[in-house]
Amino acid sequence: MEYRRLLMAATEFILSSDRRALANPPLDPAELGVSAVLKPYQIEGVSWLIRRYQLGVNVLLGSDPHLFS
């Protein structure tokens, strides 16, 4: 039961951080030290990764959507 409670607390933490992230606009690429021109979805993706890093939340990225299924 303790594991389930911890898992629920972690889930709520991540969801609440997502709600806060939606309230904040994506980061400016210049703030990230990026000199290339990024597409809007790339800016959103990099911002998402940086926010996860700042929150101490680990993420796993994969290029093949079927790799982990």
PDB file of N, CA and C in Angstrom:
ATOM      1  N   MET A   1       0.824  -1.191   0.000  1.00  0.00           N
ATOM      2  CA  MET A   1       0.000   0.000   0.000  1.00  0.00           C
ATOM      3  C   MET A   1       0.869   1.257   0.000  1.00  0.00           C
ATOM      4  N   GLU A   2       1.996   1.228   0.660  1.00  0.00           N
ATOM      5  CA  GLU A   2       2.898   2.378   0.704  1.00  0.00           C
ATOM      6  C   GLU A   2       3.391   2.729  -0.704  1.00  0.00           C
ATOM      7  N   TYR A   3       3.722   1.708  -1.495  1.00  0.00           N
ATOM      8  CA  TYR A   3       4.197   1.943  -2.856  1.00  0.00           C
ATOM      9  C   TYR A   3       3.127   2.660  -3.673  1.00  0.00           C
ATOM     10  N   ARG A   4       1.893   2.214  -3.551  1.00  0.00           N
ATOM     11  CA  ARG A   4       0.784   2.833  -4.289  1.00  0.00           C
ATOM     12  C   ARG A   4       0.624   4.299  -3.881  1.00  0.00           C
ATOM     13  N   ARG A   5       0.736   4.595  -2.606  1.00  0.00           N
ATOM     14  CA  ARG A   5       0.604   5.971  -2.127  1.00  0.00           C
ATOM     15  C   ARG A   5       1.727   6.841  -2.695  1.00  0.00           C
ATOM     16  N   LEU A   6       2.944   6.323  -2.700  1.00  0.00           N
ATOM     17  CA  LEU A   6       4.079   7.062  -3.253  1.00  0.00           C
ATOM     18  C   LEU A   6       3.917   7.285  -4.757  1.00  0.00           C
ATOM     19  N   LEU A   7       3.429   6.265  -5.441  1.00  0.00           N
ATOM     20  CA  LEU A   7       3.205   6.386  -6.876  1.00  0.00           C
ATOM     21  C   LEU A   7       2.141   7.441  -7.179  1.00  0.00           C
ATOM     22  N   MET A   8       1.084   7.472  -6.400  1.00  0.00           N
ATOM     23  CA  MET A   8       0.031   8.474  -6.582  1.00  0.00           C
ATOM     24  C   MET A   8       0.566   9.877  -6.294  1.00  0.00           C
ATOM     25  N   ALA A   9       1.407  10.016  -5.282  1.00  0.00           N
ATOM     26  CA  ALA A   9       1.996  11.320  -4.960  1.00  0.00           C
ATOM     27  C   ALA A   9       2.909  11.787  -6.096  1.00  0.00           C
ATOM     28  N   ALA A  10       3.697  10.879  -6.648  1.00  0.00           N
ATOM     29  CA  ALA A  10       4.579  11.232  -7.764  1.00  0.00           C
ATOM     30  C   ALA A  10       3.763  11.626  -8.990  1.00  0.00           C
ATOM     31  N   THR A  11       2.682  10.908  -9.231  1.00  0.00           N
ATOM     32  CA  THR A  11       1.808  11.234 -10.360  1.00  0.00           C
ATOM     33  C   THR A  11       1.215  12.619 -10.202  1.00  0.00           C
ATOM     34  N   GLU A  12       0.735  12.937  -9.018  1.00  0.00           N
ATOM     35  CA  GLU A  12       0.154  14.264  -8.771  1.00  0.00           C
ATOM     36  C   GLU A  12       1.209  15.359  -8.933  1.00  0.00           C
ATOM     37  N   PHE A  13       2.425  15.096  -8.494  1.00  0.00           N
ATOM     38  CA  PHE A  13       3.508  16.073  -8.645  1.00  0.00           C
ATOM     39  C   PHE A  13       3.763  16.373 -10.121  1.00  0.00           C
ATOM     40  N   ILE A  14       3.843  15.334 -10.924  1.00  0.00           N
ATOM     41  CA  ILE A  14       4.111  15.515 -12.353  1.00  0.00           C
ATOM     42  C   ILE A  14       2.947  16.215 -13.036  1.00  0.00           C
ATOM     43  N   LEU A  15       1.720  15.815 -12.713  1.00  0.00           N
ATOM     44  CA  LEU A  15       0.559  16.458 -13.327  1.00  0.00           C
ATOM     45  C   LEU A  15       0.453  17.923 -12.931  1.00  0.00           C
ATOM     46  N   SER A  16       0.747  18.230 -11.683  1.00  0.00           N
ATOM     47  CA  SER A  16       0.677  19.632 -11.256  1.00  0.00           C
ATOM     48  C   SER A  16       1.768  20.453 -11.937  1.00  0.00           C
ATOM     49  N   SER A  17       2.933  19.854 -12.162  1.00  0.00           N
ATOM     50  CA  SER A  17       3.988  20.583 -12.872  1.00  0.00           C
ATOM     51  C   SER A  17       3.591  20.801 -14.322  1.00  0.00           C
ATOM     52  N   ASP A  18       2.875  19.843 -14.909  1.00  0.00           N
ATOM     53  CA  ASP A  18       2.389  20.025 -16.271  1.00  0.00           C
ATOM     54  C   ASP A  18       1.390  21.175 -16.337  1.00  0.00           C
ATOM     55  N   ARG A  19       0.517  21.284 -15.337  1.00  0.00           N
ATOM     56  CA  ARG A  19      -0.453  22.383 -15.316  1.00  0.00           C
ATOM     57  C   ARG A  19       0.266  23.724 -15.197  1.00  0.00           C
ATOM     58  N   ARG A  20       1.310  23.771 -14.371  1.00  0.00           N
ATOM     59  CA  ARG A  20       2.087  25.014 -14.249  1.00  0.00           C
ATOM     60  C   ARG A  20       2.816  25.321 -15.550  1.00  0.00           C
ATOM     61  N   ALA A  21       3.333  24.299 -16.204  1.00  0.00           N
ATOM     62  CA  ALA A  21       4.067  24.504 -17.456  1.00  0.00           C
ATOM     63  C   ALA A  21       3.152  25.053 -18.542  1.00  0.00           C
ATOM     64  N   LEU A  22       1.896  24.630 -18.546  1.00  0.00           N
ATOM     65  CA  LEU A  22       0.964  25.134 -19.547  1.00  0.00           C
ATOM     66  C   LEU A  22       0.701  26.619 -19.358  1.00  0.00           C
ATOM     67  N   ALA A  23       0.802  27.087 -18.127  1.00  0.00           N
ATOM     68  CA  ALA A  23       0.563  28.503 -17.837  1.00  0.00           C
ATOM     69  C   ALA A  23       1.746  29.368 -18.271  1.00  0.00           C
ATOM     70  N   ASN A  24       2.920  28.754 -18.425  1.00  0.00           N
ATOM     71  CA  ASN A  24       4.123  29.499 -18.817  1.00  0.00           C
ATOM     72  C   ASN A  24       4.364  29.343 -20.311  1.00  0.00           C
ATOM     73  N   PRO A  25       4.717  30.422 -20.997  1.00  0.00           N
ATOM     74  CA  PRO A  25       5.028  30.299 -22.424  1.00  0.00           C
ATOM     75  C   PRO A  25       6.319  29.509 -22.613  1.00  0.00           C
ATOM     76  N   PRO A  26       6.511  28.929 -23.798  1.00  0.00           N
ATOM     77  CA  PRO A  26       7.768  28.215 -24.060  1.00  0.00           C
ATOM     78  C   PRO A  26       8.967  29.144 -23.887  1.00  0.00           C
ATOM     79  N   LEU A  27      10.091  28.557 -23.556  1.00  0.00           N
ATOM     80  CA  LEU A  27      11.314  29.337 -23.374  1.00  0.00           C
ATOM     81  C   LEU A  27      11.781  29.934 -24.696  1.00  0.00           C
ATOM     82  N   ASP A  28      12.476  31.029 -24.602  1.00  0.00           N
ATOM     83  CA  ASP A  28      13.074  31.669 -25.770  1.00  0.00           C
ATOM     84  C   ASP A  28      14.341  30.895 -26.135  1.00  0.00           C
ATOM     85  N   PRO A  29      14.491  30.449 -27.395  1.00  0.00           N
ATOM     86  CA  PRO A  29      15.686  29.682 -27.773  1.00  0.00           C
ATOM     87  C   PRO A  29      16.992  30.401 -27.445  1.00  0.00           C
ATOM     88  N   ALA A  30      17.010  31.733 -27.522  1.00  0.00           N
ATOM     89  CA  ALA A  30      18.233  32.481 -27.211  1.00  0.00           C
ATOM     90  C   ALA A  30      18.630  32.279 -25.753  1.00  0.00           C
ATOM     91  N   GLU A  31      17.639  32.128 -24.857  1.00  0.00           N
ATOM     92  CA  GLU A  31      17.934  31.873 -23.443  1.00  0.00           C
ATOM     93  C   GLU A  31      18.628  30.533 -23.260  1.00  0.00           C
ATOM     94  N   LEU A  32      18.391  29.617 -24.188  1.00  0.00           N
ATOM     95  CA  LEU A  32      18.964  28.276 -24.095  1.00  0.00           C
ATOM     96  C   LEU A  32      20.343  28.193 -24.736  1.00  0.00           C
ATOM     97  N   GLY A  33      20.770  29.282 -25.347  1.00  0.00           N
ATOM     98  CA  GLY A  33      22.055  29.263 -26.037  1.00  0.00           C
ATOM     99  C   GLY A  33      21.966  28.645 -27.416  1.00  0.00           C
ATOM    100  N   VAL A  34      20.759  28.538 -27.952  1.00  0.00           N
ATOM    101  CA  VAL A  34      20.557  27.963 -29.277  1.00  0.00           C
ATOM    102  C   VAL A  34      20.595  29.086 -30.297  1.00  0.00           C
ATOM    103  N   SER A  35      21.475  28.963 -31.274  1.00  0.00           N
ATOM    104  CA  SER A  35      21.566  30.006 -32.297  1.00  0.00           C
ATOM    105  C   SER A  35      20.848  29.609 -33.582  1.00  0.00           C
ATOM    106  N   ALA A  36      20.407  28.364 -33.684  1.00  0.00           N
ATOM    107  CA  ALA A  36      19.679  27.908 -34.868  1.00  0.00           C
ATOM    108  C   ALA A  36      18.233  28.389 -34.800  1.00  0.00           C
ATOM    109  N   VAL A  37      17.584  28.379 -35.932  1.00  0.00           N
ATOM    110  CA  VAL A  37      16.164  28.720 -35.973  1.00  0.00           C
ATOM    111  C   VAL A  37      15.382  27.431 -35.730  1.00  0.00           C
ATOM    112  N   LEU A  38      14.653  27.399 -34.629  1.00  0.00           N
ATOM    113  CA  LEU A  38      13.879  26.214 -34.278  1.00  0.00           C
ATOM    114  C   LEU A  38      12.431  26.385 -34.708  1.00  0.00           C
ATOM    115  N   LYS A  39      11.817  25.283 -35.069  1.00  0.00           N
ATOM    116  CA  LYS A  39      10.391  25.284 -35.378  1.00  0.00           C
ATOM    117  C   LYS A  39       9.631  25.347 -34.050  1.00  0.00           C
ATOM    118  N   PRO A  40       8.387  25.821 -34.073  1.00  0.00           N
ATOM    119  CA  PRO A  40       7.628  25.948 -32.820  1.00  0.00           C
ATOM    120  C   PRO A  40       7.553  24.650 -32.016  1.00  0.00           C
ATOM    121  N   TYR A  41       7.359  23.508 -32.691  1.00  0.00           N
ATOM    122  CA  TYR A  41       7.270  22.249 -31.959  1.00  0.00           C
ATOM    123  C   TYR A  41       8.620  21.866 -31.347  1.00  0.00           C
ATOM    124  N   GLN A  42       9.721  22.297 -31.966  1.00  0.00           N
ATOM    125  CA  GLN A  42      11.040  22.026 -31.395  1.00  0.00           C
ATOM    126  C   GLN A  42      11.267  22.868 -30.139  1.00  0.00           C
ATOM    127  N   ILE A  43      10.834  24.121 -30.179  1.00  0.00           N
ATOM    128  CA  ILE A  43      10.938  24.983 -29.000  1.00  0.00           C
ATOM    129  C   ILE A  43      10.122  24.399 -27.858  1.00  0.00           C
ATOM    130  N   GLU A  44       8.920  23.939 -28.177  1.00  0.00           N
ATOM    131  CA  GLU A  44       8.069  23.328 -27.150  1.00  0.00           C
ATOM    132  C   GLU A  44       8.732  22.084 -26.562  1.00  0.00           C
ATOM    133  N   GLY A  45       9.334  21.258 -27.414  1.00  0.00           N
ATOM    134  CA  GLY A  45       9.988  20.042 -26.941  1.00  0.00           C
ATOM    135  C   GLY A  45      11.195  20.321 -26.062  1.00  0.00           C
ATOM    136  N   VAL A  46      12.028  21.251 -26.467  1.00  0.00           N
ATOM    137  CA  VAL A  46      13.206  21.607 -25.669  1.00  0.00           C
ATOM    138  C   VAL A  46      12.774  22.228 -24.343  1.00  0.00           C
ATOM    139  N   SER A  47      11.747  23.075 -24.385  1.00  0.00           N
ATOM    140  CA  SER A  47      11.230  23.681 -23.152  1.00  0.00           C
ATOM    141  C   SER A  47      10.726  22.604 -22.199  1.00  0.00           C
ATOM    142  N   TRP A  48      10.029  21.613 -22.755  1.00  0.00           N
ATOM    143  CA  TRP A  48       9.493  20.517 -21.942  1.00  0.00           C
ATOM    144  C   TRP A  48      10.635  19.747 -21.273  1.00  0.00           C
ATOM    145  N   LEU A  49      11.678  19.447 -22.038  1.00  0.00           N
ATOM    146  CA  LEU A  49      12.825  18.731 -21.475  1.00  0.00           C
ATOM    147  C   LEU A  49      13.502  19.529 -20.365  1.00  0.00           C
ATOM    148  N   ILE A  50      13.688  20.819 -20.582  1.00  0.00           N
ATOM    149  CA  ILE A  50      14.346  21.655 -19.577  1.00  0.00           C
ATOM    150  C   ILE A  50      13.503  21.746 -18.317  1.00  0.00           C
ATOM    151  N   ARG A  51      12.194  21.883 -18.475  1.00  0.00           N
ATOM    152  CA  ARG A  51      11.330  21.935 -17.287  1.00  0.00           C
ATOM    153  C   ARG A  51      11.404  20.634 -16.497  1.00  0.00           C
ATOM    154  N   ARG A  52      11.442  19.508 -17.197  1.00  0.00           N
ATOM    155  CA  ARG A  52      11.561  18.221 -16.503  1.00  0.00           C
ATOM    156  C   ARG A  52      12.887  18.157 -15.739  1.00  0.00           C
ATOM    157  N   TYR A  53      13.949  18.644 -16.358  1.00  0.00           N
ATOM    158  CA  TYR A  53      15.259  18.668 -15.703  1.00  0.00           C
ATOM    159  C   TYR A  53      15.207  19.538 -14.454  1.00  0.00           C
ATOM    160  N   GLN A  54      14.600  20.717 -14.575  1.00  0.00           N
ATOM    161  CA  GLN A  54      14.511  21.631 -13.436  1.00  0.00           C
ATOM    162  C   GLN A  54      13.690  21.029 -12.297  1.00  0.00           C
ATOM    163  N   LEU A  55      12.689  20.225 -12.640  1.00  0.00           N
ATOM    164  CA  LEU A  55      11.854  19.587 -11.623  1.00  0.00           C
ATOM    165  C   LEU A  55      12.498  18.327 -11.051  1.00  0.00           C
ATOM    166  N   GLY A  56      13.569  17.865 -11.676  1.00  0.00           N
ATOM    167  CA  GLY A  56      14.215  16.637 -11.213  1.00  0.00           C
ATOM    168  C   GLY A  56      13.474  15.389 -11.653  1.00  0.00           C
ATOM    169  N   VAL A  57      12.695  15.506 -12.731  1.00  0.00           N
ATOM    170  CA  VAL A  57      11.924  14.376 -13.253  1.00  0.00           C
ATOM    171  C   VAL A  57      12.694  13.765 -14.418  1.00  0.00           C
ATOM    172  N   ASN A  58      12.971  12.478 -14.334  1.00  0.00           N
ATOM    173  CA  ASN A  58      13.683  11.790 -15.406  1.00  0.00           C
ATOM    174  C   ASN A  58      12.741  11.516 -16.567  1.00  0.00           C
ATOM    175  N   VAL A  59      13.263  11.590 -17.775  1.00  0.00           N
ATOM    176  CA  VAL A  59      12.484  11.287 -18.971  1.00  0.00           C
ATOM    177  C   VAL A  59      13.287  10.363 -19.868  1.00  0.00           C
ATOM    178  N   LEU A  60      12.585   9.694 -20.744  1.00  0.00           N
ATOM    179  CA  LEU A  60      13.208   8.800 -21.711  1.00  0.00           C
ATOM    180  C   LEU A  60      12.644   9.154 -23.077  1.00  0.00           C
ATOM    181  N   LEU A  61      13.511   9.471 -24.011  1.00  0.00           N
ATOM    182  CA  LEU A  61      13.090   9.813 -25.364  1.00  0.00           C
ATOM    183  C   LEU A  61      13.488   8.695 -26.306  1.00  0.00           C
ATOM    184  N   GLY A  62      12.619   8.417 -27.251  1.00  0.00           N
ATOM    185  CA  GLY A  62      12.914   7.411 -28.254  1.00  0.00           C
ATOM    186  C   GLY A  62      12.426   7.866 -29.613  1.00  0.00           C
ATOM    187  N   SER A  63      13.122   7.487 -30.653  1.00  0.00           N
ATOM    188  CA  SER A  63      12.724   7.897 -31.997  1.00  0.00           C
ATOM    189  C   SER A  63      11.743   6.919 -32.625  1.00  0.00           C
ATOM    190  N   ASP A  64      11.663   5.710 -32.090  1.00  0.00           N
ATOM    191  CA  ASP A  64      10.758   4.696 -32.622  1.00  0.00           C
ATOM    192  C   ASP A  64       9.601   4.515 -31.652  1.00  0.00           C
ATOM    193  N   PRO A  65       8.374   4.881 -32.051  1.00  0.00           N
ATOM    194  CA  PRO A  65       7.257   4.789 -31.114  1.00  0.00           C
ATOM    195  C   PRO A  65       6.942   3.357 -30.691  1.00  0.00           C
ATOM    196  N   HIS A  66       7.386   2.369 -31.452  1.00  0.00           N
ATOM    197  CA  HIS A  66       7.100   0.975 -31.120  1.00  0.00           C
ATOM    198  C   HIS A  66       8.224   0.319 -30.323  1.00  0.00           C
ATOM    199  N   LEU A  67       9.288   1.060 -30.078  1.00  0.00           N
ATOM    200  CA  LEU A  67      10.465   0.504 -29.421  1.00  0.00           C
ATOM    201  C   LEU A  67      10.153  -0.008 -28.019  1.00  0.00           C
ATOM    202  N   PHE A  68       9.307   0.715 -27.276  1.00  0.00           N
ATOM    203  CA  PHE A  68       9.051   0.362 -25.882  1.00  0.00           C
ATOM    204  C   PHE A  68       7.688  -0.281 -25.675  1.00  0.00           C
ATOM    205  N   SER A  69       7.024  -0.667 -26.745  1.00  0.00           N
ATOM    206  CA  SER A  69       5.696  -1.272 -26.580  1.00  0.00           C
ATOM    207  C   SER A  69       5.776  -2.773 -26.444  1.00  0.00           C
TER     208      SER A  69
END
